[in-house]
Amino acid sequence: MTLRLILIRHAKSSWSDPFADDHARVLNKRGQASAKAIGTWMAQNGYRPDVILCSDAARTRETAGLILPELSPEPALRLSQMLYHAAPDTILDQLHRQEEQTVGVIGHNPGIGMLANALAAAAPDHHRFSDYPTCATTIMDFDADHWAVVAPRSGRVVDFIVPRDLE
């Protein structure tokens, strides 16, 4: 059996108010366009998760809200406060609890990028994989029958893209 993981960093957020609560920051116009573009790319390539685990921050929820309508049928969305600025091991712990075959995660750096780099058996040939910019998306497969056995360096990167690749 093959499990598929889709790791997405939230799209570019607004810094128009430097004193705004970080949890409440929303996407800027570029971020909104990027999230829609990633959703379209996912749909065109058949990358549709059964469920998306998503940080409960405004910018991750907004990213999900722009990606999900592009996918048909829309995946289930599970918001989690635990994924807000989560460390890689926290994200992996949440992943280990899943039962669906294809799981998406929308989160924050550095955790989401660190997890992508830790799980990949070999990094893709893309100069932005190591720094994982906003809305970077990795599609990774695991030869496993349940998420609890997914471990570092066990994932095969099927695809990796950043929004600028779609312009």
Protein backbone atom coordinates (compact mmCIF):
# COMPACT_ATOMS: atom_id res chain seq x y z
CA MET A 1 0.00 0.00 0.00
CA THR A 2 1.17 3.54 -0.66
CA LEU A 3 0.38 6.48 1.59
CA ARG A 4 0.59 10.00 0.18
CA LEU A 5 1.46 13.15 2.11
CA ILE A 6 0.95 16.67 0.76
CA LEU A 7 2.87 19.28 2.78
CA ILE A 8 1.91 22.90 2.12
CA ARG A 9 3.33 25.99 3.76
CA HIS A 10 0.71 28.74 4.06
CA ALA A 11 0.69 31.37 1.33
CA LYS A 12 2.29 34.81 1.72
CA SER A 13 0.70 36.81 4.51
CA SER A 14 0.30 40.50 5.04
CA TRP A 15 2.63 42.51 7.23
CA SER A 16 0.68 45.75 6.68
CA ASP A 17 0.16 46.05 10.44
CA PRO A 18 3.43 45.18 12.21
CA PHE A 19 1.61 45.15 15.56
CA ALA A 20 -1.13 42.76 14.51
CA ASP A 21 -1.52 39.49 16.37
CA ASP A 22 0.53 36.86 14.48
CA HIS A 23 -2.24 34.27 14.76
CA ALA A 24 -4.69 36.69 13.10
CA ARG A 25 -2.54 37.70 10.11
CA VAL A 26 -4.27 37.16 6.76
CA LEU A 27 -2.92 36.64 3.25
CA ASN A 28 -1.86 39.48 1.01
CA LYS A 29 -2.99 39.64 -2.65
CA ARG A 30 0.04 37.69 -3.87
CA GLY A 31 -0.61 35.01 -1.27
CA GLN A 32 -4.25 34.71 -2.31
CA ALA A 33 -3.24 34.27 -5.97
CA SER A 34 -0.54 31.75 -5.00
CA ALA A 35 -2.92 29.60 -2.94
CA LYS A 36 -5.45 29.46 -5.80
CA ALA A 37 -2.64 28.59 -8.25
CA ILE A 38 -1.44 25.76 -6.00
CA GLY A 39 -5.01 24.44 -5.72
CA THR A 40 -5.37 24.50 -9.52
CA TRP A 41 -1.99 22.76 -9.93
CA MET A 42 -3.00 20.09 -7.41
CA ALA A 43 -6.28 19.46 -9.24
CA GLN A 44 -4.60 19.31 -12.65
CA ASN A 45 -2.13 16.72 -11.35
CA GLY A 46 -4.61 14.61 -9.40
CA TYR A 47 -3.08 15.52 -6.03
CA ARG A 48 -6.22 15.40 -3.90
CA PRO A 49 -5.95 14.63 -0.20
CA ASP A 50 -8.72 12.78 1.63
CA VAL A 51 -8.23 15.13 4.57
CA ILE A 52 -6.26 18.30 5.25
CA LEU A 53 -4.85 18.96 8.71
CA CYS A 54 -4.50 22.70 9.08
CA SER A 55 -3.18 25.10 11.68
CA ASP A 56 -5.98 27.25 13.06
CA ALA A 57 -4.14 30.51 12.26
CA ALA A 58 -5.98 32.92 9.93
CA ARG A 59 -3.37 32.64 7.14
CA THR A 60 -3.41 28.83 7.07
CA ARG A 61 -7.22 28.72 7.16
CA GLU A 62 -7.34 31.26 4.32
CA THR A 63 -4.79 29.23 2.32
CA ALA A 64 -6.96 26.13 2.79
CA GLY A 65 -10.07 28.11 1.85
CA LEU A 66 -8.51 29.02 -1.50
CA ILE A 67 -7.05 25.57 -2.28
CA LEU A 68 -9.99 23.34 -1.30
CA PRO A 69 -12.57 24.71 -3.81
CA GLU A 70 -10.17 23.80 -6.63
CA LEU A 71 -10.31 20.12 -5.58
CA SER A 72 -13.29 17.92 -6.32
CA PRO A 73 -14.67 16.57 -4.21
CA GLU A 74 -13.37 18.90 -1.51
CA PRO A 75 -11.25 17.13 1.12
CA ALA A 76 -12.32 17.23 4.75
CA LEU A 77 -10.64 20.05 6.69
CA ARG A 78 -9.49 19.53 10.28
CA LEU A 79 -8.29 22.65 12.06
CA SER A 80 -5.85 22.22 14.92
CA GLN A 81 -4.35 24.71 17.34
CA MET A 82 -1.54 22.17 17.86
CA LEU A 83 -0.33 22.81 14.28
CA TYR A 84 0.16 26.56 14.85
CA HIS A 85 3.94 27.02 14.53
CA ALA A 86 4.31 23.29 15.28
CA ALA A 87 7.69 21.59 15.43
CA PRO A 88 8.27 18.75 12.96
CA ASP A 89 7.76 16.08 15.64
CA THR A 90 4.37 17.56 16.59
CA ILE A 91 3.23 17.50 12.95
CA LEU A 92 4.51 13.93 12.58
CA ASP A 93 2.67 12.92 15.75
CA GLN A 94 -0.58 14.30 14.29
CA LEU A 95 0.13 12.51 11.02
CA HIS A 96 0.73 9.20 12.83
CA ARG A 97 -2.87 9.39 14.12
CA GLN A 98 -4.45 9.54 10.67
CA GLU A 99 -6.35 6.72 8.96
CA GLU A 100 -6.85 8.22 5.49
CA GLN A 101 -4.58 7.16 2.65
CA THR A 102 -3.81 10.67 1.38
CA VAL A 103 -3.26 13.41 3.96
CA GLY A 104 -2.51 17.08 3.42
CA VAL A 105 -0.99 19.37 6.02
CA ILE A 106 -1.06 23.17 5.84
CA GLY A 107 1.31 24.71 8.34
CA HIS A 108 4.09 27.15 9.08
CA ASN A 109 7.83 27.36 8.74
CA PRO A 110 10.18 26.35 10.09
CA GLY A 111 8.26 23.19 11.11
CA ILE A 112 6.62 22.28 7.80
CA GLY A 113 9.82 22.76 5.78
CA MET A 114 11.90 20.90 8.35
CA LEU A 115 9.45 17.99 8.25
CA ALA A 116 9.56 17.84 4.43
CA ASN A 117 13.35 17.78 4.52
CA ALA A 118 13.41 15.17 7.31
CA LEU A 119 10.94 12.77 5.67
CA ALA A 120 12.40 12.86 2.17
CA ALA A 121 14.72 9.97 1.37
CA ALA A 122 16.23 12.24 -1.29
CA ALA A 123 15.56 15.93 -1.79
CA PRO A 124 14.06 16.96 -5.13
CA ASP A 125 16.23 18.79 -7.62
CA HIS A 126 14.78 22.22 -6.78
CA HIS A 127 16.78 25.07 -5.28
CA ARG A 128 13.91 26.16 -2.99
CA PHE A 129 13.22 22.84 -1.25
CA SER A 130 15.62 23.45 1.63
CA ASP A 131 14.21 26.89 2.55
CA TYR A 132 10.55 26.04 1.79
CA PRO A 133 9.11 29.43 0.78
CA THR A 134 5.47 30.45 1.22
CA CYS A 135 2.99 28.08 -0.42
CA ALA A 136 5.76 25.57 -1.25
CA THR A 137 4.10 22.19 -1.75
CA THR A 138 5.62 18.72 -1.57
CA ILE A 139 3.92 15.53 -2.72
CA MET A 140 5.54 12.56 -0.98
CA ASP A 141 4.73 8.84 -1.11
CA PHE A 142 5.48 6.21 1.53
CA ASP A 143 5.49 2.44 1.09
CA ALA A 144 3.50 1.76 4.23
CA ASP A 145 0.09 0.51 5.23
CA HIS A 146 -0.45 2.93 8.12
CA TRP A 147 0.87 6.34 9.11
CA ALA A 148 2.27 5.19 12.46
CA VAL A 149 5.28 3.60 10.71
CA VAL A 150 6.21 6.69 8.67
CA ALA A 151 9.69 7.77 9.76
CA PRO A 152 12.45 10.15 8.69
CA ARG A 153 14.08 9.48 5.30
CA SER A 154 11.28 7.09 4.28
CA GLY A 155 9.40 9.33 1.83
CA ARG A 156 9.77 9.42 -1.94
CA VAL A 157 9.26 12.95 -3.27
CA VAL A 158 6.89 12.69 -6.24
CA ASP A 159 6.64 16.43 -6.86
CA PHE A 160 7.66 19.77 -5.40
CA ILE A 161 6.58 23.21 -6.50
CA VAL A 162 6.57 26.82 -5.41
CA PRO A 163 4.07 29.40 -6.74
CA ARG A 164 6.74 31.17 -8.82
CA ASP A 165 7.13 27.96 -10.85
CA LEU A 166 3.52 28.44 -11.98
CA GLU A 167 3.89 32.04 -13.20
